[in-house]
C-alpha atoms as a PDB file:
ATOM      1  CA  MET A   1      45.846  -5.538 -28.312  1.00  0.00           C
ATOM      2  CA  ALA A   2      43.452  -8.490 -28.455  1.00  0.00           C
ATOM      3  CA  VAL A   3      40.572  -6.241 -27.425  1.00  0.00           C
ATOM      4  CA  SER A   4      41.368  -3.835 -30.258  1.00  0.00           C
ATOM      5  CA  ALA A   5      41.520  -6.693 -32.752  1.00  0.00           C
ATOM      6  CA  TRP A   6      38.175  -8.027 -31.521  1.00  0.00           C
ATOM      7  CA  GLY A   7      36.655  -4.547 -31.750  1.00  0.00           C
ATOM      8  CA  ALA A   8      37.892  -4.211 -35.330  1.00  0.00           C
ATOM      9  CA  HIS A   9      36.468  -7.655 -36.128  1.00  0.00           C
ATOM     10  CA  GLU A  10      33.083  -6.649 -34.677  1.00  0.00           C
ATOM     11  CA  PHE A  11      33.120  -3.359 -36.582  1.00  0.00           C
ATOM     12  CA  PHE A  12      33.828  -4.937 -39.969  1.00  0.00           C
ATOM     13  CA  THR A  13      31.536  -7.923 -39.383  1.00  0.00           C
ATOM     14  CA  TYR A  14      28.487  -5.961 -38.300  1.00  0.00           C
ATOM     15  CA  HIS A  15      28.937  -2.317 -39.377  1.00  0.00           C
ATOM     16  CA  ASN A  16      29.475  -3.127 -43.042  1.00  0.00           C
ATOM     17  CA  ASN A  17      27.063  -6.033 -42.907  1.00  0.00           C
ATOM     18  CA  PRO A  18      23.577  -4.764 -42.050  1.00  0.00           C
ATOM     19  CA  VAL A  19      20.734  -6.931 -40.800  1.00  0.00           C
ATOM     20  CA  VAL A  20      18.322  -7.528 -43.675  1.00  0.00           C
ATOM     21  CA  LEU A  21      15.665  -9.724 -42.059  1.00  0.00           C
ATOM     22  CA  GLU A  22      14.934 -10.342 -38.394  1.00  0.00           C
ATOM     23  CA  ILE A  23      12.219 -12.540 -36.922  1.00  0.00           C
ATOM     24  CA  TYR A  24      11.487 -12.784 -33.195  1.00  0.00           C
ATOM     25  CA  THR A  25       8.746 -14.739 -31.506  1.00  0.00           C
ATOM     26  CA  ASP A  26       7.470 -13.535 -28.158  1.00  0.00           C
ATOM     27  CA  CYS A  27       5.991 -16.584 -26.418  1.00  0.00           C
ATOM     28  CA  ARG A  28       3.455 -15.720 -23.731  1.00  0.00           C
ATOM     29  CA  GLY A  29       1.423 -17.778 -21.306  1.00  0.00           C
ATOM     30  CA  MET A  30       1.743 -21.543 -20.934  1.00  0.00           C
ATOM     31  CA  THR A  31       4.460 -21.965 -23.549  1.00  0.00           C
ATOM     32  CA  TYR A  32       7.934 -23.337 -23.971  1.00  0.00           C
ATOM     33  CA  PRO A  33      10.083 -21.453 -24.354  1.00  0.00           C
ATOM     34  CA  ARG A  34       8.629 -18.429 -22.622  1.00  0.00           C
ATOM     35  CA  GLY A  35       9.764 -14.956 -23.585  1.00  0.00           C
ATOM     36  CA  LYS A  36      11.410 -13.438 -26.637  1.00  0.00           C
ATOM     37  CA  VAL A  37      13.195 -15.922 -28.919  1.00  0.00           C
ATOM     38  CA  LEU A  38      15.309 -14.913 -31.904  1.00  0.00           C
ATOM     39  CA  GLN A  39      14.078 -17.160 -34.706  1.00  0.00           C
ATOM     40  CA  PHE A  40      16.107 -15.709 -37.556  1.00  0.00           C
ATOM     41  CA  ARG A  41      18.489 -12.750 -37.969  1.00  0.00           C
ATOM     42  CA  LEU A  42      19.945 -12.570 -41.453  1.00  0.00           C
ATOM     43  CA  TYR A  43      22.767 -10.221 -42.388  1.00  0.00           C
ATOM     44  CA  GLN A  44      23.438  -9.033 -45.944  1.00  0.00           C
ATOM     45  CA  SER A  45      26.519 -11.300 -46.157  1.00  0.00           C
ATOM     46  CA  GLY A  46      24.505 -14.426 -45.355  1.00  0.00           C
ATOM     47  CA  LEU A  47      25.528 -14.593 -41.700  1.00  0.00           C
ATOM     48  CA  LEU A  48      22.597 -16.050 -39.782  1.00  0.00           C
ATOM     49  CA  GLU A  49      21.954 -15.841 -36.048  1.00  0.00           C
ATOM     50  CA  TYR A  50      19.233 -17.635 -34.126  1.00  0.00           C
ATOM     51  CA  ASP A  51      18.437 -18.932 -30.646  1.00  0.00           C
ATOM     52  CA  LYS A  52      18.603 -22.668 -30.213  1.00  0.00           C
ATOM     53  CA  TYR A  53      17.228 -24.242 -27.086  1.00  0.00           C
ATOM     54  CA  PRO A  54      16.929 -27.843 -25.923  1.00  0.00           C
ATOM     55  CA  ALA A  55      13.712 -29.814 -26.117  1.00  0.00           C
ATOM     56  CA  GLN A  56      11.506 -29.246 -23.106  1.00  0.00           C
ATOM     57  CA  ASP A  57      11.943 -32.829 -21.875  1.00  0.00           C
ATOM     58  CA  GLN A  58      15.737 -32.306 -21.717  1.00  0.00           C
ATOM     59  CA  LEU A  59      15.421 -29.410 -19.287  1.00  0.00           C
ATOM     60  CA  SER A  60      14.668 -31.643 -16.317  1.00  0.00           C
ATOM     61  CA  TYR A  61      17.720 -33.735 -17.173  1.00  0.00           C
ATOM     62  CA  LEU A  62      19.937 -30.662 -17.538  1.00  0.00           C
ATOM     63  CA  HIS A  63      18.432 -28.987 -14.438  1.00  0.00           C
ATOM     64  CA  LEU A  64      18.023 -25.728 -16.329  1.00  0.00           C
ATOM     65  CA  ARG A  65      15.010 -23.504 -16.366  1.00  0.00           C
ATOM     66  CA  TYR A  66      15.640 -21.806 -19.738  1.00  0.00           C
ATOM     67  CA  TRP A  67      18.642 -21.878 -21.999  1.00  0.00           C
ATOM     68  CA  PHE A  68      19.011 -19.743 -25.129  1.00  0.00           C
ATOM     69  CA  PRO A  69      22.425 -19.966 -26.691  1.00  0.00           C
ATOM     70  CA  ARG A  70      22.852 -17.682 -29.679  1.00  0.00           C
ATOM     71  CA  THR A  71      23.897 -19.817 -32.625  1.00  0.00           C
ATOM     72  CA  HIS A  72      25.489 -18.775 -35.936  1.00  0.00           C
ATOM     73  CA  SER A  73      25.359 -20.238 -39.397  1.00  0.00           C
ATOM     74  CA  TYR A  74      25.511 -19.040 -42.995  1.00  0.00           C
ATOM     75  CA  VAL A  75      23.003 -18.839 -45.821  1.00  0.00           C
ATOM     76  CA  THR A  76      24.120 -18.914 -49.447  1.00  0.00           C
ATOM     77  CA  PRO A  77      23.994 -15.656 -51.447  1.00  0.00           C
ATOM     78  CA  THR A  78      21.318 -17.217 -53.659  1.00  0.00           C
ATOM     79  CA  ARG A  79      19.055 -17.836 -50.660  1.00  0.00           C
ATOM     80  CA  VAL A  80      19.729 -14.365 -49.274  1.00  0.00           C
ATOM     81  CA  ASN A  81      18.626 -12.916 -52.633  1.00  0.00           C
ATOM     82  CA  GLU A  82      15.510 -15.143 -52.665  1.00  0.00           C
ATOM     83  CA  LEU A  83      14.483 -13.871 -49.219  1.00  0.00           C
ATOM     84  CA  ILE A  84      15.156 -10.269 -50.236  1.00  0.00           C
ATOM     85  CA  ALA A  85      13.091 -10.719 -53.405  1.00  0.00           C
ATOM     86  CA  LEU A  86      10.153 -12.034 -51.367  1.00  0.00           C
ATOM     87  CA  ALA A  87      10.400  -9.193 -48.851  1.00  0.00           C
ATOM     88  CA  GLU A  88      10.474  -6.593 -51.623  1.00  0.00           C
ATOM     89  CA  GLN A  89       7.244  -7.777 -53.210  1.00  0.00           C
ATOM     90  CA  PRO A  90       4.591  -5.046 -53.200  1.00  0.00           C
ATOM     91  CA  ASP A  91       2.109  -7.170 -51.236  1.00  0.00           C
ATOM     92  CA  PHE A  92       4.692  -7.753 -48.478  1.00  0.00           C
ATOM     93  CA  LEU A  93       5.723  -4.096 -48.290  1.00  0.00           C
ATOM     94  CA  GLY A  94       2.044  -3.101 -48.285  1.00  0.00           C
ATOM     95  CA  ALA A  95       1.008  -5.714 -45.706  1.00  0.00           C
ATOM     96  CA  GLU A  96      -0.923  -4.738 -42.609  1.00  0.00           C
ATOM     97  CA  ARG A  97       1.027  -3.875 -39.477  1.00  0.00           C
ATOM     98  CA  GLU A  98      -0.554  -6.677 -37.428  1.00  0.00           C
ATOM     99  CA  TYR A  99      -2.384  -9.893 -38.227  1.00  0.00           C
ATOM    100  CA  PRO A 100      -4.415 -11.028 -35.201  1.00  0.00           C
ATOM    101  CA  ALA A 101      -4.847 -14.677 -34.302  1.00  0.00           C
ATOM    102  CA  ALA A 102      -7.349 -16.600 -36.421  1.00  0.00           C
ATOM    103  CA  GLN A 103      -8.449 -18.443 -33.312  1.00  0.00           C
ATOM    104  CA  SER A 104      -7.800 -17.225 -29.787  1.00  0.00           C
ATOM    105  CA  GLY A 105      -5.616 -19.418 -27.625  1.00  0.00           C
ATOM    106  CA  ALA A 106      -6.939 -20.048 -24.151  1.00  0.00           C
ATOM    107  CA  ASP A 107      -3.605 -20.115 -22.349  1.00  0.00           C
ATOM    108  CA  SER A 108      -0.867 -18.985 -24.740  1.00  0.00           C
ATOM    109  CA  GLU A 109       0.075 -16.551 -27.465  1.00  0.00           C
ATOM    110  CA  PHE A 110       2.916 -16.443 -29.979  1.00  0.00           C
ATOM    111  CA  ARG A 111       3.623 -12.966 -31.409  1.00  0.00           C
ATOM    112  CA  THR A 112       5.990 -13.240 -34.373  1.00  0.00           C
ATOM    113  CA  SER A 113       7.621  -9.919 -35.260  1.00  0.00           C
ATOM    114  CA  ILE A 114       9.115  -9.617 -38.730  1.00  0.00           C
ATOM    115  CA  SER A 115      11.441  -6.752 -39.578  1.00  0.00           C
ATOM    116  CA  TYR A 116      12.880  -6.175 -43.055  1.00  0.00           C
ATOM    117  CA  THR A 117      15.321  -3.359 -43.868  1.00  0.00           C
ATOM    118  CA  ARG A 118      17.270  -2.847 -47.059  1.00  0.00           C
ATOM    119  CA  ALA A 119      18.138   0.304 -48.974  1.00  0.00           C
ATOM    120  CA  SER A 120      14.950   2.400 -49.103  1.00  0.00           C
ATOM    121  CA  HIS A 121      12.600  -0.451 -48.145  1.00  0.00           C
ATOM    122  CA  GLU A 122      11.534  -1.028 -44.570  1.00  0.00           C
ATOM    123  CA  LYS A 123       8.741  -3.160 -43.192  1.00  0.00           C
ATOM    124  CA  TYR A 124       7.750  -4.220 -39.695  1.00  0.00           C
ATOM    125  CA  LEU A 125       4.782  -6.439 -38.985  1.00  0.00           C
ATOM    126  CA  VAL A 126       3.450  -8.800 -36.336  1.00  0.00           C
ATOM    127  CA  VAL A 127       1.680 -12.086 -36.921  1.00  0.00           C
ATOM    128  CA  VAL A 128      -0.117 -13.503 -33.879  1.00  0.00           C
ATOM    129  CA  ASP A 129      -0.345 -17.280 -33.438  1.00  0.00           C
ATOM    130  CA  TYR A 130       0.943 -18.220 -36.884  1.00  0.00           C
ATOM    131  CA  TYR A 131       1.649 -21.950 -37.022  1.00  0.00           C
ATOM    132  CA  GLY A 132       2.465 -22.348 -40.690  1.00  0.00           C
ATOM    133  CA  ASP A 133      -0.332 -23.692 -42.832  1.00  0.00           C
ATOM    134  CA  ASP A 134      -2.450 -23.903 -39.727  1.00  0.00           C
ATOM    135  CA  GLY A 135      -5.750 -24.797 -41.344  1.00  0.00           C
ATOM    136  CA  PHE A 136      -7.280 -21.456 -40.361  1.00  0.00           C
ATOM    137  CA  GLY A 137      -7.293 -20.001 -43.860  1.00  0.00           C
ATOM    138  CA  ALA A 138      -3.637 -18.961 -43.957  1.00  0.00           C
ATOM    139  CA  THR A 139      -3.732 -18.547 -47.730  1.00  0.00           C
ATOM    140  CA  ARG A 140      -6.657 -16.125 -47.453  1.00  0.00           C
ATOM    141  CA  ARG A 141      -5.488 -14.241 -44.346  1.00  0.00           C
ATOM    142  CA  TYR A 142      -1.922 -13.315 -45.301  1.00  0.00           C
ATOM    143  CA  PRO A 143      -0.295 -11.815 -48.408  1.00  0.00           C
ATOM    144  CA  PRO A 144       1.244 -14.514 -50.661  1.00  0.00           C
ATOM    145  CA  SER A 145       4.777 -13.115 -50.329  1.00  0.00           C
ATOM    146  CA  LEU A 146       4.518 -13.101 -46.508  1.00  0.00           C
ATOM    147  CA  LEU A 147       3.520 -16.780 -46.564  1.00  0.00           C
ATOM    148  CA  ALA A 148       6.301 -17.574 -49.039  1.00  0.00           C
ATOM    149  CA  LEU A 149       8.842 -15.722 -46.869  1.00  0.00           C
ATOM    150  CA  LEU A 150       7.756 -17.560 -43.707  1.00  0.00           C
ATOM    151  CA  ARG A 151       7.890 -20.903 -45.546  1.00  0.00           C
ATOM    152  CA  ALA A 152      11.377 -20.140 -46.926  1.00  0.00           C
ATOM    153  CA  VAL A 153      12.631 -19.191 -43.445  1.00  0.00           C
ATOM    154  CA  SER A 154      11.085 -22.365 -42.034  1.00  0.00           C
ATOM    155  CA  ALA A 155      12.824 -24.470 -44.707  1.00  0.00           C
ATOM    156  CA  ILE A 156      16.186 -22.891 -43.827  1.00  0.00           C
ATOM    157  CA  GLN A 157      15.578 -23.509 -40.112  1.00  0.00           C
ATOM    158  CA  ARG A 158      14.851 -27.206 -40.772  1.00  0.00           C
ATOM    159  CA  GLU A 159      18.203 -27.509 -42.557  1.00  0.00           C
ATOM    160  CA  LEU A 160      20.161 -26.095 -39.598  1.00  0.00           C
END
């Protein structure tokens, strides 16, 4: 009976609550963490999932190689609507499929994949080696709504 109840919980939590915005970063080369990290998965209801990992200096203490626990939180409906409004801007929906690195890294690469899906709007794009306002002409390289969306996500992550 408990399995059936859990299955019903999963169905109503996720089936009627689609993912609106998902951001992964694939960390390659001499990086920590290495591999695919879920930065931000936002559901229509405000449910938020993300991977949280310890600081690199704690790994030697914990004797772990990599540790990616999936963590949950919630975002207010107002913030969900703000993120949706940014993602539905024409310059975001019309953005290029991939933005290459402004400056090539010698030993690492961070590929940030952004996926937005809601009603009839869908957008998938990749930003390579985006570090925020990285000093490499971010305001000229990326659409304003993409920058605003990444900044808003970053602000939410800092609050977690």
